[in-house]
Amino acid sequence: MAKQIGYARVSTKTQVTDRQQTDLLAAGIRRDDLYIDHGVSGCG
């Protein structure tokens, strides 16, 4: 089985990745293989 990597991202400063992280961990992604992108894009 190939290694799985999780990626969670937000687009604005007011958003959080909590739900994305929870869903990725529930899907079997290891916490060490979870990448969180707090970068903000756009004008929000």
N, C-alpha and C. Protein backbone atom coordinates (compact mmCIF):
# COMPACT_ATOMS: atom_id res chain seq x y z
N MET A 1 0.85 -1.18 0.00
CA MET A 1 0.00 0.00 0.00
C MET A 1 0.89 1.24 0.00
N ALA A 2 0.53 2.21 -0.79
CA ALA A 2 1.29 3.45 -0.88
C ALA A 2 1.06 4.30 0.36
N LYS A 3 2.06 5.08 0.71
CA LYS A 3 1.94 5.98 1.85
C LYS A 3 0.92 7.06 1.54
N GLN A 4 0.07 7.38 2.53
CA GLN A 4 -0.94 8.41 2.35
C GLN A 4 -0.51 9.66 3.11
N ILE A 5 -0.69 10.79 2.48
CA ILE A 5 -0.36 12.08 3.09
C ILE A 5 -1.61 12.93 3.06
N GLY A 6 -1.90 13.59 4.18
CA GLY A 6 -3.08 14.46 4.27
C GLY A 6 -2.68 15.91 4.11
N TYR A 7 -3.56 16.70 3.54
CA TYR A 7 -3.31 18.12 3.31
C TYR A 7 -4.57 18.90 3.66
N ALA A 8 -4.44 19.82 4.60
CA ALA A 8 -5.56 20.67 4.99
C ALA A 8 -5.15 22.11 4.73
N ARG A 9 -6.10 22.90 4.23
CA ARG A 9 -5.77 24.27 3.84
C ARG A 9 -6.95 25.20 4.08
N VAL A 10 -6.64 26.43 4.42
CA VAL A 10 -7.66 27.47 4.54
C VAL A 10 -7.33 28.60 3.59
N SER A 11 -8.35 29.39 3.25
CA SER A 11 -8.16 30.49 2.31
C SER A 11 -8.20 31.86 2.97
N THR A 12 -8.79 31.94 4.15
CA THR A 12 -8.90 33.23 4.82
C THR A 12 -8.41 33.12 6.27
N LYS A 13 -8.14 34.25 6.87
CA LYS A 13 -7.66 34.28 8.26
C LYS A 13 -8.69 33.79 9.25
N THR A 14 -9.96 33.86 8.90
CA THR A 14 -11.01 33.48 9.85
C THR A 14 -11.36 31.99 9.81
N GLN A 15 -10.84 31.27 8.83
CA GLN A 15 -11.13 29.84 8.72
C GLN A 15 -10.15 29.03 9.55
N VAL A 16 -10.58 27.84 9.95
CA VAL A 16 -9.72 26.92 10.69
C VAL A 16 -9.72 25.56 9.99
N THR A 17 -8.70 24.78 10.25
CA THR A 17 -8.57 23.47 9.62
C THR A 17 -9.03 22.33 10.51
N ASP A 18 -9.65 22.64 11.64
CA ASP A 18 -10.02 21.60 12.61
C ASP A 18 -10.82 20.45 11.99
N ARG A 19 -11.86 20.78 11.26
CA ARG A 19 -12.72 19.73 10.67
C ARG A 19 -11.95 18.91 9.63
N GLN A 20 -11.15 19.60 8.83
CA GLN A 20 -10.37 18.89 7.82
C GLN A 20 -9.41 17.91 8.49
N GLN A 21 -8.74 18.36 9.55
CA GLN A 21 -7.80 17.50 10.26
C GLN A 21 -8.52 16.28 10.84
N THR A 22 -9.66 16.51 11.46
CA THR A 22 -10.44 15.43 12.05
C THR A 22 -10.82 14.40 11.00
N ASP A 23 -11.29 14.88 9.85
CA ASP A 23 -11.70 13.98 8.77
C ASP A 23 -10.51 13.20 8.21
N LEU A 24 -9.39 13.85 8.04
CA LEU A 24 -8.21 13.17 7.50
C LEU A 24 -7.68 12.11 8.47
N LEU A 25 -7.65 12.44 9.76
CA LEU A 25 -7.21 11.46 10.75
C LEU A 25 -8.18 10.28 10.82
N ALA A 26 -9.48 10.55 10.72
CA ALA A 26 -10.48 9.48 10.73
C ALA A 26 -10.34 8.58 9.49
N ALA A 27 -9.83 9.14 8.41
CA ALA A 27 -9.64 8.38 7.17
C ALA A 27 -8.36 7.54 7.21
N GLY A 28 -7.61 7.64 8.32
CA GLY A 28 -6.42 6.80 8.47
C GLY A 28 -5.10 7.49 8.21
N ILE A 29 -5.13 8.79 7.97
CA ILE A 29 -3.87 9.52 7.78
C ILE A 29 -3.19 9.65 9.13
N ARG A 30 -1.92 9.33 9.19
CA ARG A 30 -1.17 9.49 10.44
C ARG A 30 -0.91 10.97 10.68
N ARG A 31 -0.95 11.38 11.94
CA ARG A 31 -0.74 12.79 12.29
C ARG A 31 0.62 13.29 11.75
N ASP A 32 1.63 12.41 11.77
CA ASP A 32 2.95 12.79 11.25
C ASP A 32 2.94 13.02 9.75
N ASP A 33 1.93 12.51 9.07
CA ASP A 33 1.82 12.64 7.61
C ASP A 33 0.75 13.65 7.21
N LEU A 34 0.40 14.53 8.14
CA LEU A 34 -0.63 15.54 7.89
C LEU A 34 0.03 16.90 7.74
N TYR A 35 -0.18 17.52 6.60
CA TYR A 35 0.38 18.85 6.34
C TYR A 35 -0.73 19.88 6.44
N ILE A 36 -0.50 20.91 7.26
CA ILE A 36 -1.48 21.96 7.46
C ILE A 36 -0.95 23.24 6.83
N ASP A 37 -1.69 23.79 5.88
CA ASP A 37 -1.29 25.02 5.19
C ASP A 37 -2.12 26.18 5.74
N HIS A 38 -1.47 27.03 6.52
CA HIS A 38 -2.16 28.18 7.09
C HIS A 38 -2.02 29.42 6.20
N GLY A 39 -1.47 29.22 5.02
CA GLY A 39 -1.32 30.33 4.09
C GLY A 39 -2.67 30.90 3.71
N VAL A 40 -2.70 32.16 3.51
CA VAL A 40 -3.95 32.83 3.16
C VAL A 40 -3.85 33.32 1.73
N SER A 41 -4.88 33.03 0.94
CA SER A 41 -4.90 33.50 -0.43
C SER A 41 -6.08 34.43 -0.64
N GLY A 42 -6.07 35.13 -1.69
CA GLY A 42 -7.17 36.03 -1.99
C GLY A 42 -7.17 37.26 -1.10
N CYS A 43 -8.28 37.90 -1.02
CA CYS A 43 -8.39 39.16 -0.27
C CYS A 43 -9.07 38.99 1.08
N GLY A 44 -9.50 37.75 1.43
CA GLY A 44 -10.26 37.52 2.63
C GLY A 44 -9.44 37.53 3.81
